[in-house]
All heavy atoms as atom14 arrays in JSON, in Angstrom:
{
  "sequence": "LENSNLIGADLRLIHIKNAKLNDINISKETKTDSCLENNLFHKLICKI",
  "atom14_mask": [
    [1, 1, 1, 1, 1, 1, 1, 1, 0, 0, 0, 0, 0, 0],
    [1, 1, 1, 1, 1, 1, 1, 1, 1, 0, 0, 0, 0, 0],
    [1, 1, 1, 1, 1, 1, 1, 1, 0, 0, 0, 0, 0, 0],
    [1, 1, 1, 1, 1, 1, 0, 0, 0, 0, 0, 0, 0, 0],
    [1, 1, 1, 1, 1, 1, 1, 1, 0, 0, 0, 0, 0, 0],
    [1, 1, 1, 1, 1, 1, 1, 1, 0, 0, 0, 0, 0, 0],
    [1, 1, 1, 1, 1, 1, 1, 1, 0, 0, 0, 0, 0, 0],
    [1, 1, 1, 1, 0, 0, 0, 0, 0, 0, 0, 0, 0, 0],
    [1, 1, 1, 1, 1, 0, 0, 0, 0, 0, 0, 0, 0, 0],
    [1, 1, 1, 1, 1, 1, 1, 1, 0, 0, 0, 0, 0, 0],
    [1, 1, 1, 1, 1, 1, 1, 1, 0, 0, 0, 0, 0, 0],
    [1, 1, 1, 1, 1, 1, 1, 1, 1, 1, 1, 0, 0, 0],
    [1, 1, 1, 1, 1, 1, 1, 1, 0, 0, 0, 0, 0, 0],
    [1, 1, 1, 1, 1, 1, 1, 1, 0, 0, 0, 0, 0, 0],
    [1, 1, 1, 1, 1, 1, 1, 1, 1, 1, 0, 0, 0, 0],
    [1, 1, 1, 1, 1, 1, 1, 1, 0, 0, 0, 0, 0, 0],
    [1, 1, 1, 1, 1, 1, 1, 1, 1, 0, 0, 0, 0, 0],
    [1, 1, 1, 1, 1, 1, 1, 1, 0, 0, 0, 0, 0, 0],
    [1, 1, 1, 1, 1, 0, 0, 0, 0, 0, 0, 0, 0, 0],
    [1, 1, 1, 1, 1, 1, 1, 1, 1, 0, 0, 0, 0, 0],
    [1, 1, 1, 1, 1, 1, 1, 1, 0, 0, 0, 0, 0, 0],
    [1, 1, 1, 1, 1, 1, 1, 1, 0, 0, 0, 0, 0, 0],
    [1, 1, 1, 1, 1, 1, 1, 1, 0, 0, 0, 0, 0, 0],
    [1, 1, 1, 1, 1, 1, 1, 1, 0, 0, 0, 0, 0, 0],
    [1, 1, 1, 1, 1, 1, 1, 1, 0, 0, 0, 0, 0, 0],
    [1, 1, 1, 1, 1, 1, 1, 1, 0, 0, 0, 0, 0, 0],
    [1, 1, 1, 1, 1, 1, 0, 0, 0, 0, 0, 0, 0, 0],
    [1, 1, 1, 1, 1, 1, 1, 1, 1, 0, 0, 0, 0, 0],
    [1, 1, 1, 1, 1, 1, 1, 1, 1, 0, 0, 0, 0, 0],
    [1, 1, 1, 1, 1, 1, 1, 0, 0, 0, 0, 0, 0, 0],
    [1, 1, 1, 1, 1, 1, 1, 1, 1, 0, 0, 0, 0, 0],
    [1, 1, 1, 1, 1, 1, 1, 0, 0, 0, 0, 0, 0, 0],
    [1, 1, 1, 1, 1, 1, 1, 1, 0, 0, 0, 0, 0, 0],
    [1, 1, 1, 1, 1, 1, 0, 0, 0, 0, 0, 0, 0, 0],
    [1, 1, 1, 1, 1, 1, 0, 0, 0, 0, 0, 0, 0, 0],
    [1, 1, 1, 1, 1, 1, 1, 1, 0, 0, 0, 0, 0, 0],
    [1, 1, 1, 1, 1, 1, 1, 1, 1, 0, 0, 0, 0, 0],
    [1, 1, 1, 1, 1, 1, 1, 1, 0, 0, 0, 0, 0, 0],
    [1, 1, 1, 1, 1, 1, 1, 1, 0, 0, 0, 0, 0, 0],
    [1, 1, 1, 1, 1, 1, 1, 1, 0, 0, 0, 0, 0, 0],
    [1, 1, 1, 1, 1, 1, 1, 1, 1, 1, 1, 0, 0, 0],
    [1, 1, 1, 1, 1, 1, 1, 1, 1, 1, 0, 0, 0, 0],
    [1, 1, 1, 1, 1, 1, 1, 1, 1, 0, 0, 0, 0, 0],
    [1, 1, 1, 1, 1, 1, 1, 1, 0, 0, 0, 0, 0, 0],
    [1, 1, 1, 1, 1, 1, 1, 1, 0, 0, 0, 0, 0, 0],
    [1, 1, 1, 1, 1, 1, 0, 0, 0, 0, 0, 0, 0, 0],
    [1, 1, 1, 1, 1, 1, 1, 1, 1, 0, 0, 0, 0, 0],
    [1, 1, 1, 1, 1, 1, 1, 1, 0, 0, 0, 0, 0, 0]
  ],
  "atom14_positions": [
    [[-19.97, 25.79, -8.96], [-18.91, 26.81, -8.79], [-17.99, 26.85, -10.01], [-16.88, 27.38, -9.97], [-18.1, 26.51, -7.57], [-18.71, 26.92, -6.21], [-18.31, 25.96, -5.15], [-18.38, 28.35, -5.88], [0.0, 0.0, 0.0], [0.0, 0.0, 0.0], [0.0, 0.0, 0.0], [0.0, 0.0, 0.0], [0.0, 0.0, 0.0], [0.0, 0.0, 0.0]],
    [[-18.43, 26.3, -11.14], [-17.59, 26.22, -12.32], [-17.12, 27.6, -12.75], [-17.88, 28.58, -12.83], [-18.36, 25.55, -13.46], [-18.64, 24.08, -13.22], [-19.47, 23.43, -14.33], [-20.37, 24.13, -14.85], [-19.21, 22.27, -14.65], [0.0, 0.0, 0.0], [0.0, 0.0, 0.0], [0.0, 0.0, 0.0], [0.0, 0.0, 0.0], [0.0, 0.0, 0.0]],
    [[-15.81, 27.68, -13.05], [-15.19, 28.92, -13.53], [-15.27, 30.08, -12.58], [-15.09, 31.23, -12.92], [-15.81, 29.34, -14.88], [-15.6, 28.31, -15.96], [-14.47, 27.9, -16.25], [-16.72, 27.87, -16.53], [0.0, 0.0, 0.0], [0.0, 0.0, 0.0], [0.0, 0.0, 0.0], [0.0, 0.0, 0.0], [0.0, 0.0, 0.0], [0.0, 0.0, 0.0]],
    [[-15.49, 29.8, -11.29], [-15.59, 30.9, -10.3], [-14.2, 31.31, -9.87], [-13.23, 30.56, -9.88], [-16.42, 30.47, -9.1], [-15.82, 29.36, -8.45], [0.0, 0.0, 0.0], [0.0, 0.0, 0.0], [0.0, 0.0, 0.0], [0.0, 0.0, 0.0], [0.0, 0.0, 0.0], [0.0, 0.0, 0.0], [0.0, 0.0, 0.0], [0.0, 0.0, 0.0]],
    [[-14.08, 32.58, -9.48], [-12.8, 33.17, -9.04], [-12.75, 33.15, -7.52], [-13.5, 33.88, -6.86], [-12.66, 34.61, -9.57], [-11.36, 35.24, -9.15], [-10.51, 34.62, -8.56], [-11.23, 36.54, -9.4], [0.0, 0.0, 0.0], [0.0, 0.0, 0.0], [0.0, 0.0, 0.0], [0.0, 0.0, 0.0], [0.0, 0.0, 0.0], [0.0, 0.0, 0.0]],
    [[-11.86, 32.33, -6.96], [-11.74, 32.17, -5.51], [-10.36, 32.64, -5.01], [-9.9, 32.19, -3.94], [-12.03, 30.73, -5.12], [-13.45, 30.28, -5.35], [-13.53, 28.77, -5.51], [-14.38, 30.77, -4.29], [0.0, 0.0, 0.0], [0.0, 0.0, 0.0], [0.0, 0.0, 0.0], [0.0, 0.0, 0.0], [0.0, 0.0, 0.0], [0.0, 0.0, 0.0]],
    [[-9.72, 33.52, -5.75], [-8.4, 34.02, -5.37], [-8.5, 34.79, -4.08], [-9.3, 35.73, -3.94], [-7.81, 34.88, -6.52], [-7.53, 34.07, -7.76], [-6.54, 35.63, -6.02], [-7.02, 34.87, -8.93], [0.0, 0.0, 0.0], [0.0, 0.0, 0.0], [0.0, 0.0, 0.0], [0.0, 0.0, 0.0], [0.0, 0.0, 0.0], [0.0, 0.0, 0.0]],
    [[-7.7, 34.41, -3.08], [-7.67, 35.11, -1.81], [-8.88, 34.88, -0.94], [-9.02, 35.5, 0.13], [0.0, 0.0, 0.0], [0.0, 0.0, 0.0], [0.0, 0.0, 0.0], [0.0, 0.0, 0.0], [0.0, 0.0, 0.0], [0.0, 0.0, 0.0], [0.0, 0.0, 0.0], [0.0, 0.0, 0.0], [0.0, 0.0, 0.0], [0.0, 0.0, 0.0]],
    [[-9.79, 34.02, -1.34], [-11.02, 33.77, -0.56], [-10.75, 32.86, 0.66], [-9.73, 32.15, 0.7], [-12.11, 33.14, -1.42], [0.0, 0.0, 0.0], [0.0, 0.0, 0.0], [0.0, 0.0, 0.0], [0.0, 0.0, 0.0], [0.0, 0.0, 0.0], [0.0, 0.0, 0.0], [0.0, 0.0, 0.0], [0.0, 0.0, 0.0], [0.0, 0.0, 0.0]],
    [[-11.59, 32.91, 1.64], [-11.5, 32.03, 2.82], [-12.44, 30.86, 2.61], [-13.67, 31.03, 2.69], [-11.87, 32.81, 4.08], [-11.61, 32.0, 5.36], [-11.37, 30.79, 5.25], [-11.66, 32.6, 6.46], [0.0, 0.0, 0.0], [0.0, 0.0, 0.0], [0.0, 0.0, 0.0], [0.0, 0.0, 0.0], [0.0, 0.0, 0.0], [0.0, 0.0, 0.0]],
    [[-11.85, 29.68, 2.34], [-12.65, 28.49, 2.04], [-12.55, 27.42, 3.13], [-12.77, 26.26, 2.91], [-12.21, 27.87, 0.7], [-12.31, 28.79, -0.52], [-11.75, 28.11, -1.76], [-13.76, 29.23, -0.77], [0.0, 0.0, 0.0], [0.0, 0.0, 0.0], [0.0, 0.0, 0.0], [0.0, 0.0, 0.0], [0.0, 0.0, 0.0], [0.0, 0.0, 0.0]],
    [[-12.2, 27.86, 4.32], [-12.03, 26.87, 5.45], [-13.37, 26.38, 5.96], [-14.32, 27.12, 6.02], [-11.24, 27.55, 6.59], [-9.81, 27.86, 6.19], [-9.13, 28.68, 7.3], [-9.79, 29.93, 7.53], [-9.57, 30.69, 8.6], [-8.75, 30.27, 9.54], [-10.18, 31.87, 8.73], [0.0, 0.0, 0.0], [0.0, 0.0, 0.0], [0.0, 0.0, 0.0]],
    [[-13.4, 25.1, 6.32], [-14.58, 24.44, 6.91], [-15.8, 24.49, 6.02], [-16.92, 24.48, 6.52], [-14.91, 25.07, 8.29], [-13.82, 24.97, 9.36], [-14.3, 25.55, 10.68], [-13.33, 23.55, 9.56], [0.0, 0.0, 0.0], [0.0, 0.0, 0.0], [0.0, 0.0, 0.0], [0.0, 0.0, 0.0], [0.0, 0.0, 0.0], [0.0, 0.0, 0.0]],
    [[-15.58, 24.55, 4.71], [-16.74, 24.58, 3.81], [-17.28, 23.17, 3.57], [-16.58, 22.17, 3.76], [-16.4, 25.24, 2.46], [-15.28, 24.44, 1.75], [-16.03, 26.7, 2.62], [-15.03, 24.89, 0.34], [0.0, 0.0, 0.0], [0.0, 0.0, 0.0], [0.0, 0.0, 0.0], [0.0, 0.0, 0.0], [0.0, 0.0, 0.0], [0.0, 0.0, 0.0]],
    [[-18.55, 23.1, 3.18], [-19.15, 21.84, 2.84], [-19.4, 21.83, 1.34], [-20.1, 22.67, 0.8], [-20.5, 21.71, 3.56], [-21.27, 20.47, 3.21], [-20.89, 19.22, 3.6], [-22.38, 20.31, 2.45], [-21.73, 18.3, 3.12], [-22.66, 18.97, 2.42], [0.0, 0.0, 0.0], [0.0, 0.0, 0.0], [0.0, 0.0, 0.0], [0.0, 0.0, 0.0]],
    [[-18.76, 20.87, 0.63], [-18.82, 20.91, -0.83], [-19.28, 19.56, -1.41], [-18.96, 19.25, -2.58], [-17.42, 21.26, -1.44], [-16.34, 20.35, -0.88], [-17.09, 22.72, -1.19], [-15.03, 20.46, -1.63], [0.0, 0.0, 0.0], [0.0, 0.0, 0.0], [0.0, 0.0, 0.0], [0.0, 0.0, 0.0], [0.0, 0.0, 0.0], [0.0, 0.0, 0.0]],
    [[-20.03, 18.8, -0.67], [-20.5, 17.49, -1.2], [-21.3, 17.69, -2.5], [-22.27, 18.49, -2.52], [-21.35, 16.8, -0.15], [-21.79, 15.39, -0.56], [-22.56, 14.7, 0.56], [-22.98, 13.32, 0.17], [-23.74, 12.65, 1.23], [0.0, 0.0, 0.0], [0.0, 0.0, 0.0], [0.0, 0.0, 0.0], [0.0, 0.0, 0.0], [0.0, 0.0, 0.0]],
    [[-20.87, 17.01, -3.54], [-21.56, 17.05, -4.86], [-21.48, 18.4, -5.55], [-22.22, 18.65, -6.48], [-23.04, 16.59, -4.73], [-23.19, 15.19, -4.25], [-22.39, 14.3, -4.55], [-24.21, 14.96, -3.42], [0.0, 0.0, 0.0], [0.0, 0.0, 0.0], [0.0, 0.0, 0.0], [0.0, 0.0, 0.0], [0.0, 0.0, 0.0], [0.0, 0.0, 0.0]],
    [[-20.61, 19.3, -5.07], [-20.46, 20.59, -5.72], [-19.66, 20.45, -7.01], [-18.8, 19.62, -7.11], [-19.79, 21.59, -4.77], [0.0, 0.0, 0.0], [0.0, 0.0, 0.0], [0.0, 0.0, 0.0], [0.0, 0.0, 0.0], [0.0, 0.0, 0.0], [0.0, 0.0, 0.0], [0.0, 0.0, 0.0], [0.0, 0.0, 0.0], [0.0, 0.0, 0.0]],
    [[-19.95, 21.29, -7.98], [-19.22, 21.32, -9.22], [-18.09, 22.32, -9.12], [-18.33, 23.51, -8.97], [-20.16, 21.69, -10.38], [-21.27, 20.69, -10.65], [-22.19, 21.15, -11.79], [-23.31, 20.13, -11.98], [-24.26, 20.58, -13.07], [0.0, 0.0, 0.0], [0.0, 0.0, 0.0], [0.0, 0.0, 0.0], [0.0, 0.0, 0.0], [0.0, 0.0, 0.0]],
    [[-16.83, 21.8, -9.18], [-15.68, 22.66, -8.94], [-14.76, 22.71, -10.16], [-13.57, 23.03, -10.02], [-14.9, 22.14, -7.73], [-15.66, 22.06, -6.41], [-14.86, 21.31, -5.38], [-16.05, 23.43, -5.92], [0.0, 0.0, 0.0], [0.0, 0.0, 0.0], [0.0, 0.0, 0.0], [0.0, 0.0, 0.0], [0.0, 0.0, 0.0], [0.0, 0.0, 0.0]],
    [[-15.3, 22.5, -11.33], [-14.49, 22.52, -12.55], [-13.94, 23.89, -12.84], [-14.66, 24.9, -12.81], [-15.32, 22.04, -13.75], [-15.87, 20.64, -13.57], [-15.29, 19.85, -12.81], [-16.96, 20.33, -14.23], [0.0, 0.0, 0.0], [0.0, 0.0, 0.0], [0.0, 0.0, 0.0], [0.0, 0.0, 0.0], [0.0, 0.0, 0.0], [0.0, 0.0, 0.0]],
    [[-12.63, 23.95, -13.09], [-11.95, 25.17, -13.53], [-12.08, 26.34, -12.53], [-12.14, 27.49, -12.9], [-12.5, 25.64, -14.88], [-12.27, 24.6, -15.95], [-11.15, 24.05, -16.01], [-13.21, 24.34, -16.74], [0.0, 0.0, 0.0], [0.0, 0.0, 0.0], [0.0, 0.0, 0.0], [0.0, 0.0, 0.0], [0.0, 0.0, 0.0], [0.0, 0.0, 0.0]],
    [[-12.17, 26.04, -11.21], [-12.2, 27.11, -10.25], [-10.8, 27.72, -10.13], [-9.78, 27.05, -10.32], [-12.7, 26.65, -8.84], [-11.81, 25.55, -8.3], [-14.1, 26.21, -8.91], [-12.1, 25.17, -6.84], [0.0, 0.0, 0.0], [0.0, 0.0, 0.0], [0.0, 0.0, 0.0], [0.0, 0.0, 0.0], [0.0, 0.0, 0.0], [0.0, 0.0, 0.0]],
    [[-10.73, 29.01, -9.83], [-9.44, 29.73, -9.79], [-9.04, 29.96, -8.36], [-9.68, 30.79, -7.64], [-9.59, 31.06, -10.56], [-8.24, 31.67, -10.88], [-7.2, 31.17, -10.5], [-8.27, 32.78, -11.62], [0.0, 0.0, 0.0], [0.0, 0.0, 0.0], [0.0, 0.0, 0.0], [0.0, 0.0, 0.0], [0.0, 0.0, 0.0], [0.0, 0.0, 0.0]],
    [[-7.99, 29.28, -7.87], [-7.53, 29.39, -6.49], [-6.06, 29.81, -6.52], [-5.27, 29.37, -7.36], [-7.66, 28.07, -5.74], [-9.18, 27.76, -5.57], [-7.03, 28.14, -4.38], [-9.43, 26.43, -4.89], [0.0, 0.0, 0.0], [0.0, 0.0, 0.0], [0.0, 0.0, 0.0], [0.0, 0.0, 0.0], [0.0, 0.0, 0.0], [0.0, 0.0, 0.0]],
    [[-5.67, 30.7, -5.59], [-4.26, 31.17, -5.53], [-3.64, 30.76, -4.21], [-4.28, 30.13, -3.35], [-4.24, 32.7, -5.63], [-4.85, 33.27, -4.49], [0.0, 0.0, 0.0], [0.0, 0.0, 0.0], [0.0, 0.0, 0.0], [0.0, 0.0, 0.0], [0.0, 0.0, 0.0], [0.0, 0.0, 0.0], [0.0, 0.0, 0.0], [0.0, 0.0, 0.0]],
    [[-2.36, 31.11, -4.03], [-1.67, 30.8, -2.79], [-2.33, 31.54, -1.61], [-2.22, 31.12, -0.47], [-0.2, 31.22, -2.91], [0.59, 30.36, -3.87], [2.04, 30.85, -3.94], [2.88, 29.99, -4.9], [4.29, 30.47, -4.98], [0.0, 0.0, 0.0], [0.0, 0.0, 0.0], [0.0, 0.0, 0.0], [0.0, 0.0, 0.0], [0.0, 0.0, 0.0]],
    [[-2.96, 32.69, -1.89], [-3.57, 33.5, -0.83], [-4.92, 32.92, -0.37], [-5.47, 33.33, 0.64], [-3.76, 34.95, -1.29], [-2.51, 35.74, -1.49], [-1.77, 35.37, -2.76], [-2.45, 34.94, -3.72], [-0.52, 35.52, -2.82], [0.0, 0.0, 0.0], [0.0, 0.0, 0.0], [0.0, 0.0, 0.0], [0.0, 0.0, 0.0], [0.0, 0.0, 0.0]],
    [[-5.47, 31.97, -1.16], [-6.72, 31.37, -0.81], [-6.56, 30.52, 0.46], [-5.67, 29.68, 0.51], [-7.29, 30.49, -1.96], [-7.39, 31.28, -3.14], [-8.63, 29.94, -1.6], [0.0, 0.0, 0.0], [0.0, 0.0, 0.0], [0.0, 0.0, 0.0], [0.0, 0.0, 0.0], [0.0, 0.0, 0.0], [0.0, 0.0, 0.0], [0.0, 0.0, 0.0]],
    [[-7.43, 30.73, 1.44], [-7.33, 30.0, 2.72], [-8.15, 28.71, 2.56], [-9.36, 28.75, 2.39], [-7.87, 30.83, 3.85], [-7.09, 32.11, 4.13], [-7.74, 32.94, 5.23], [-6.95, 34.23, 5.44], [-7.61, 35.1, 6.45], [0.0, 0.0, 0.0], [0.0, 0.0, 0.0], [0.0, 0.0, 0.0], [0.0, 0.0, 0.0], [0.0, 0.0, 0.0]],
    [[-7.45, 27.57, 2.66], [-8.13, 26.3, 2.54], [-7.74, 25.35, 3.67], [-6.77, 25.64, 4.41], [-7.74, 25.61, 1.2], [-6.35, 25.36, 1.17], [-8.12, 26.49, 0.01], [0.0, 0.0, 0.0], [0.0, 0.0, 0.0], [0.0, 0.0, 0.0], [0.0, 0.0, 0.0], [0.0, 0.0, 0.0], [0.0, 0.0, 0.0], [0.0, 0.0, 0.0]],
    [[-8.42, 24.26, 3.83], [-8.08, 23.24, 4.84], [-8.55, 21.88, 4.34], [-8.83, 21.73, 3.12], [-8.71, 23.6, 6.19], [-10.21, 23.71, 6.15], [-10.82, 23.33, 5.14], [-10.81, 24.2, 7.12], [0.0, 0.0, 0.0], [0.0, 0.0, 0.0], [0.0, 0.0, 0.0], [0.0, 0.0, 0.0], [0.0, 0.0, 0.0], [0.0, 0.0, 0.0]],
    [[-8.65, 20.92, 5.21], [-9.0, 19.58, 4.82], [-10.37, 19.47, 4.15], [-10.61, 18.52, 3.38], [-8.95, 18.66, 6.03], [-7.62, 18.6, 6.54], [0.0, 0.0, 0.0], [0.0, 0.0, 0.0], [0.0, 0.0, 0.0], [0.0, 0.0, 0.0], [0.0, 0.0, 0.0], [0.0, 0.0, 0.0], [0.0, 0.0, 0.0], [0.0, 0.0, 0.0]],
    [[-11.27, 20.42, 4.43], [-12.62, 20.31, 3.92], [-12.71, 20.52, 2.4], [-13.71, 20.2, 1.76], [-13.54, 21.33, 4.6], [-13.78, 20.96, 6.35], [0.0, 0.0, 0.0], [0.0, 0.0, 0.0], [0.0, 0.0, 0.0], [0.0, 0.0, 0.0], [0.0, 0.0, 0.0], [0.0, 0.0, 0.0], [0.0, 0.0, 0.0], [0.0, 0.0, 0.0]],
    [[-11.62, 21.04, 1.79], [-11.61, 21.25, 0.35], [-10.92, 20.07, -0.36], [-11.0, 19.95, -1.57], [-10.87, 22.54, 0.01], [-11.05, 23.06, -1.46], [-12.5, 23.43, -1.72], [-10.19, 24.29, -1.7], [0.0, 0.0, 0.0], [0.0, 0.0, 0.0], [0.0, 0.0, 0.0], [0.0, 0.0, 0.0], [0.0, 0.0, 0.0], [0.0, 0.0, 0.0]],
    [[-10.32, 19.16, 0.44], [-9.65, 18.0, -0.15], [-10.65, 16.88, -0.43], [-11.75, 16.85, 0.12], [-8.55, 17.51, 0.8], [-7.51, 18.57, 1.13], [-6.72, 19.0, -0.09], [-6.6, 18.17, -1.02], [-6.25, 20.14, -0.08], [0.0, 0.0, 0.0], [0.0, 0.0, 0.0], [0.0, 0.0, 0.0], [0.0, 0.0, 0.0], [0.0, 0.0, 0.0]],
    [[-10.23, 15.95, -1.29], [-11.16, 14.91, -1.72], [-10.62, 13.5, -1.41], [-10.88, 12.58, -2.15], [-11.44, 15.05, -3.24], [-12.67, 14.3, -3.65], [-13.59, 14.14, -2.87], [-12.7, 13.83, -4.89], [0.0, 0.0, 0.0], [0.0, 0.0, 0.0], [0.0, 0.0, 0.0], [0.0, 0.0, 0.0], [0.0, 0.0, 0.0], [0.0, 0.0, 0.0]],
    [[-9.92, 13.35, -0.29], [-9.49, 12.0, 0.1], [-10.04, 11.71, 1.49], [-10.42, 12.58, 2.25], [-7.98, 11.88, 0.05], [-7.29, 12.89, 0.93], [-7.44, 12.84, 2.16], [-6.54, 13.81, 0.34], [0.0, 0.0, 0.0], [0.0, 0.0, 0.0], [0.0, 0.0, 0.0], [0.0, 0.0, 0.0], [0.0, 0.0, 0.0], [0.0, 0.0, 0.0]],
    [[-10.0, 10.43, 1.82], [-10.63, 9.96, 3.07], [-10.03, 10.57, 4.3], [-10.75, 10.97, 5.24], [-10.53, 8.4, 3.14], [-11.16, 7.77, 4.4], [-12.66, 8.05, 4.42], [-10.92, 6.24, 4.36], [0.0, 0.0, 0.0], [0.0, 0.0, 0.0], [0.0, 0.0, 0.0], [0.0, 0.0, 0.0], [0.0, 0.0, 0.0], [0.0, 0.0, 0.0]],
    [[-8.69, 10.67, 4.34], [-8.02, 11.22, 5.52], [-8.52, 12.65, 5.79], [-8.86, 12.98, 6.94], [-6.51, 11.18, 5.28], [-5.72, 11.85, 6.38], [-5.58, 11.24, 7.63], [-5.1, 13.09, 6.2], [-4.84, 11.82, 8.62], [-4.4, 13.69, 7.23], [-4.25, 13.05, 8.44], [0.0, 0.0, 0.0], [0.0, 0.0, 0.0], [0.0, 0.0, 0.0]],
    [[-8.46, 13.49, 4.8], [-8.87, 14.89, 4.98], [-10.37, 15.02, 5.26], [-10.82, 15.89, 5.98], [-8.47, 15.71, 3.79], [-7.02, 16.02, 3.7], [-6.42, 16.95, 4.52], [-6.02, 15.54, 2.91], [-5.12, 17.02, 4.27], [-4.86, 16.18, 3.29], [0.0, 0.0, 0.0], [0.0, 0.0, 0.0], [0.0, 0.0, 0.0], [0.0, 0.0, 0.0]],
    [[-11.16, 14.13, 4.66], [-12.6, 14.12, 4.93], [-12.87, 13.86, 6.42], [-13.76, 14.45, 7.01], [-13.3, 13.13, 4.06], [-13.5, 13.61, 2.62], [-14.3, 12.59, 1.81], [-14.58, 13.09, 0.4], [-15.32, 12.11, -0.42], [0.0, 0.0, 0.0], [0.0, 0.0, 0.0], [0.0, 0.0, 0.0], [0.0, 0.0, 0.0], [0.0, 0.0, 0.0]],
    [[-12.11, 12.91, 6.98], [-12.28, 12.57, 8.4], [-11.89, 13.76, 9.28], [-12.59, 14.09, 10.25], [-11.46, 11.32, 8.76], [-12.0, 9.97, 8.32], [-10.98, 8.89, 8.53], [-13.28, 9.67, 9.06], [0.0, 0.0, 0.0], [0.0, 0.0, 0.0], [0.0, 0.0, 0.0], [0.0, 0.0, 0.0], [0.0, 0.0, 0.0], [0.0, 0.0, 0.0]],
    [[-10.75, 14.4, 8.97], [-10.33, 15.58, 9.73], [-11.38, 16.66, 9.63], [-11.75, 17.32, 10.65], [-8.95, 16.1, 9.19], [-7.87, 15.1, 9.54], [-8.64, 17.46, 9.79], [-6.53, 15.51, 8.98], [0.0, 0.0, 0.0], [0.0, 0.0, 0.0], [0.0, 0.0, 0.0], [0.0, 0.0, 0.0], [0.0, 0.0, 0.0], [0.0, 0.0, 0.0]],
    [[-11.93, 16.91, 8.44], [-12.91, 17.93, 8.28], [-14.17, 17.61, 9.08], [-14.73, 18.49, 9.78], [-13.29, 18.07, 6.8], [-14.56, 19.29, 6.44], [0.0, 0.0, 0.0], [0.0, 0.0, 0.0], [0.0, 0.0, 0.0], [0.0, 0.0, 0.0], [0.0, 0.0, 0.0], [0.0, 0.0, 0.0], [0.0, 0.0, 0.0], [0.0, 0.0, 0.0]],
    [[-14.57, 16.37, 9.1], [-15.79, 15.93, 9.81], [-15.62, 16.15, 11.31], [-16.53, 16.61, 12.01], [-16.12, 14.52, 9.49], [-17.5, 14.09, 9.91], [-17.9, 12.71, 9.35], [-19.29, 12.35, 9.72], [-19.72, 11.06, 9.13], [0.0, 0.0, 0.0], [0.0, 0.0, 0.0], [0.0, 0.0, 0.0], [0.0, 0.0, 0.0], [0.0, 0.0, 0.0]],
    [[-14.47, 15.75, 11.84], [-14.21, 15.87, 13.27], [-14.15, 17.35, 13.66], [-14.71, 17.77, 14.68], [-12.89, 15.18, 13.67], [-13.05, 13.66, 13.48], [-12.49, 15.48, 15.07], [-11.78, 12.87, 13.66], [0.0, 0.0, 0.0], [0.0, 0.0, 0.0], [0.0, 0.0, 0.0], [0.0, 0.0, 0.0], [0.0, 0.0, 0.0], [0.0, 0.0, 0.0]]
  ]
}
């Protein structure tokens, strides 16, 4: 997903294991949740 434009996109509950996320473009309007985070706590929430 390098250099992809994700402004205003819905990225909730996505699976991104081993995905390349360098220089992705995200805005305040982009819908995200724990599944886009890269720490253990959020990974557990996403998995549940």
